[in-house]
Protein backbone atom coordinates (compact mmCIF):
# COMPACT_ATOMS: atom_id res chain seq x y z
CA MET A 1 -7.41 -10.26 -0.33
CA SER A 2 -10.90 -9.90 1.92
CA ALA A 3 -14.22 -10.29 0.81
CA PRO A 4 -16.20 -8.54 -1.52
CA HIS A 5 -16.98 -5.44 -0.18
CA PRO A 6 -20.17 -3.15 -1.97
CA ASP A 7 -19.91 0.35 -2.64
CA SER A 8 -21.40 2.89 -2.60
CA ASN A 9 -23.45 2.24 -6.00
CA GLY A 10 -24.55 -1.31 -4.53
CA GLY A 11 -21.93 -3.41 -6.00
CA ALA A 12 -19.71 -5.43 -5.45
CA ASP A 13 -16.09 -4.53 -5.82
CA LEU A 14 -14.51 -6.31 -8.40
CA TYR A 15 -11.39 -6.40 -5.95
CA ASP A 16 -10.50 -5.39 -2.20
CA GLU A 17 -6.92 -4.89 -1.03
CA ARG A 18 -5.74 -4.06 2.37
CA LEU A 19 -2.12 -3.18 3.17
CA VAL A 20 -0.88 -4.48 6.53
CA VAL A 21 2.17 -4.40 7.96
CA PRO A 22 3.43 -7.58 9.05
CA TRP A 23 2.76 -10.01 12.01
CA TRP A 24 5.97 -9.85 12.66
CA TRP A 25 5.97 -6.20 13.24
CA TRP A 26 3.21 -6.72 15.76
CA LEU A 27 6.16 -8.53 17.73
CA ALA A 28 8.50 -6.51 17.70
CA ALA A 29 6.18 -3.71 19.12
CA VAL A 30 6.33 -5.67 22.27
CA VAL A 31 9.39 -6.42 22.26
CA VAL A 32 10.00 -1.79 21.75
CA THR A 33 7.71 -2.06 24.55
CA GLY A 34 9.33 -3.87 26.75
CA VAL A 35 12.01 -2.74 26.57
CA VAL A 36 11.13 1.38 26.14
CA GLY A 37 8.64 0.81 29.06
CA TYR A 38 11.64 -0.88 31.22
CA GLU A 39 13.98 2.23 30.93
CA ILE A 40 11.19 4.76 31.30
CA GLN A 41 10.57 2.54 34.62
CA LEU A 42 14.80 2.51 35.64
CA SER A 43 14.64 6.52 35.19
CA ALA A 44 11.66 6.70 37.66
CA HIS A 45 12.93 5.02 40.31
CA GLY A 46 10.78 2.71 40.42
CA SER A 47 7.29 4.84 41.39
CA LYS A 48 4.41 3.56 41.42
CA TRP A 49 3.69 5.05 38.44
CA SER A 50 6.74 4.74 36.02
CA ILE A 51 3.63 1.05 35.09
CA ILE A 52 2.39 4.52 32.68
CA GLY A 53 5.77 3.61 30.39
CA TYR A 54 4.97 0.55 29.72
CA VAL A 55 0.62 1.37 28.54
CA ALA A 56 1.98 4.84 26.97
CA THR A 57 4.46 3.02 24.31
CA ALA A 58 2.14 -0.05 24.41
CA PHE A 59 -1.01 2.68 23.05
CA ILE A 60 1.60 4.48 20.25
CA ALA A 61 3.20 1.54 19.01
CA VAL A 62 -0.06 0.39 17.92
CA MET A 63 -1.99 3.08 16.88
CA LEU A 64 1.44 3.34 14.80
CA LEU A 65 1.66 -0.11 13.10
CA ILE A 66 -2.81 0.44 13.19
CA SER A 67 -2.29 3.61 10.77
CA MET A 68 -0.26 2.25 8.33
CA SER A 69 -2.10 -0.44 8.40
CA ARG A 70 -5.19 1.43 6.80
CA THR A 71 -4.17 1.83 3.16
CA ARG A 72 -6.96 0.46 0.84
CA ILE A 73 -6.61 -0.81 -3.01
CA ARG A 74 -9.86 -2.06 -3.97
CA VAL A 75 -11.58 -2.07 -7.61
CA THR A 76 -15.24 -0.66 -7.57
CA ALA A 77 -17.99 -2.43 -9.15
CA ASP A 78 -18.40 0.94 -12.30
CA GLY A 79 -13.55 0.22 -13.04
CA GLU A 80 -13.50 3.53 -10.77
CA LEU A 81 -9.39 2.31 -8.84
CA HIS A 82 -9.14 3.84 -5.30
CA ALA A 83 -6.03 4.33 -3.94
CA HIS A 84 -6.16 4.67 0.21
CA ARG A 85 -7.83 8.58 0.09
CA ALA A 86 -7.71 8.85 -3.94
CA ARG A 87 -9.47 7.52 -7.37
CA LEU A 88 -8.83 6.71 -10.45
CA PRO A 89 -11.68 6.23 -13.37
CA ARG A 90 -11.32 3.79 -15.57
CA SER A 91 -11.87 5.92 -18.90
CA VAL A 92 -8.42 7.64 -17.75
CA ILE A 93 -5.90 4.59 -17.61
CA ALA A 94 -4.32 4.16 -21.41
CA ARG A 95 -2.88 0.53 -20.33
CA GLY A 96 -0.94 -1.38 -17.03
CA ALA A 97 1.79 -3.18 -16.09
CA THR A 98 3.05 -5.32 -12.66
CA VAL A 99 6.28 -4.10 -11.12
CA PRO A 100 8.09 -6.75 -10.04
CA PRO A 101 10.72 -5.96 -6.31
CA SER A 102 13.31 -6.09 -8.82
CA ALA A 103 11.99 -3.24 -10.72
CA LYS A 104 10.64 -1.78 -8.07
CA SER A 105 13.52 0.00 -6.54
CA ALA A 106 14.42 1.82 -10.16
CA ALA A 107 10.82 2.13 -10.94
CA LEU A 108 10.83 4.57 -7.72
CA GLY A 109 14.54 5.97 -7.79
CA ARG A 110 16.11 6.97 -11.61
CA GLN A 111 13.02 6.57 -13.60
CA LEU A 112 10.35 7.76 -11.45
CA ASP A 113 8.80 11.59 -12.99
CA PRO A 114 8.26 13.48 -10.36
CA ALA A 115 4.73 14.24 -11.35
CA ALA A 116 3.42 11.30 -10.89
CA TYR A 117 1.35 10.23 -8.58
CA LEU A 118 2.23 7.56 -5.50
CA VAL A 119 0.18 4.81 -3.51
CA HIS A 120 3.24 2.90 -2.01
CA ARG A 121 3.98 0.93 0.94
CA PHE A 122 7.01 -0.52 1.39
CA TRP A 123 7.43 -3.96 3.04
CA VAL A 124 4.60 -4.64 0.02
CA LYS A 125 6.84 -5.55 -2.68
CA THR A 126 5.37 -5.48 -5.21
CA MET A 127 3.39 -3.14 -7.44
CA VAL A 128 1.26 -1.46 -10.45
CA LEU A 129 2.62 0.43 -13.24
CA LEU A 130 -0.90 1.89 -14.44
CA VAL A 131 -0.07 5.03 -17.47
CA LEU A 132 -2.51 7.71 -17.71
CA ASP A 133 -4.46 9.33 -21.21
CA ASP A 134 -5.92 12.43 -19.39
CA PRO A 135 -5.01 15.80 -21.65
CA ASP A 136 -6.66 17.31 -18.49
CA ASP A 137 -3.92 15.21 -15.86
CA PRO A 138 -1.13 16.48 -15.40
CA THR A 139 0.40 13.22 -13.55
CA PRO A 140 1.61 10.61 -16.67
CA TYR A 141 1.42 7.68 -14.54
CA TRP A 142 0.38 5.90 -10.82
CA LEU A 143 2.18 3.12 -8.62
CA VAL A 144 0.78 1.76 -7.01
CA SER A 145 1.63 -0.78 -3.70
CA THR A 146 0.16 -3.90 -3.97
CA ARG A 147 0.36 -7.23 -3.17
CA HIS A 148 -1.56 -9.32 -6.39
CA PRO A 149 -0.87 -6.35 -9.22
CA GLU A 150 -1.87 -9.10 -12.00
CA LYS A 151 -5.23 -9.18 -9.58
CA VAL A 152 -5.50 -5.37 -9.79
CA LEU A 153 -4.92 -5.31 -13.60
CA GLU A 154 -7.64 -7.87 -14.33
CA ALA A 155 -10.37 -5.95 -12.29
CA LEU A 156 -9.43 -2.73 -14.25
CA GLY A 157 -9.63 -5.16 -17.62
CA LEU A 158 -6.12 -4.56 -18.72
CA SER A 159 -3.70 -7.16 -19.87
CA ASP A 160 0.04 -7.22 -18.19
CA ALA A 161 2.36 -4.97 -20.70
CA ALA A 162 5.05 -5.51 -18.73
CA ALA A 163 3.67 -9.72 -19.83
CA ASP A 164 3.50 -8.78 -23.66
CA ARG A 165 7.02 -7.77 -24.07
CA PRO A 166 9.30 -9.82 -26.92
CA GLU A 167 12.14 -11.97 -24.96
CA PRO A 168 15.46 -9.46 -24.89
CA ARG A 169 17.55 -12.08 -27.05
CA ALA A 170 21.58 -12.04 -26.23
């Protein structure tokens, strides 16, 4: 989580997180740049312009990783959730729950409602599920990737419905 960010109303955000790619992806980008650049250099038969392959590949890799790391999850001081480019007022959220890594596949697979709103980044292992109570909106719930779902729920003033479930009996 980063430092509090002032929102448009002048107050500090209650929660702010940028979903950046893992650090080792940058190392992989260096390796890919070297391999692809070398292949371009070989196909250019060692001409003085063959260095452009390295530069172009590095530029594309950097821009791709930067664009993938632009997703931001935040809760403003007035309780509004900003998930990437979408906004969700606190007043329409009925309840929320954390989605652990073990349940993520099911939540995004066979249990997914096609009308649900997703902000999913596959490299982030946990999510938060926000069930809506808005008769004017056909969206039943939001699934949002976050590394700290409990902090998102806390910032929204919600208890974790997944933690409130009774333990299954044997």
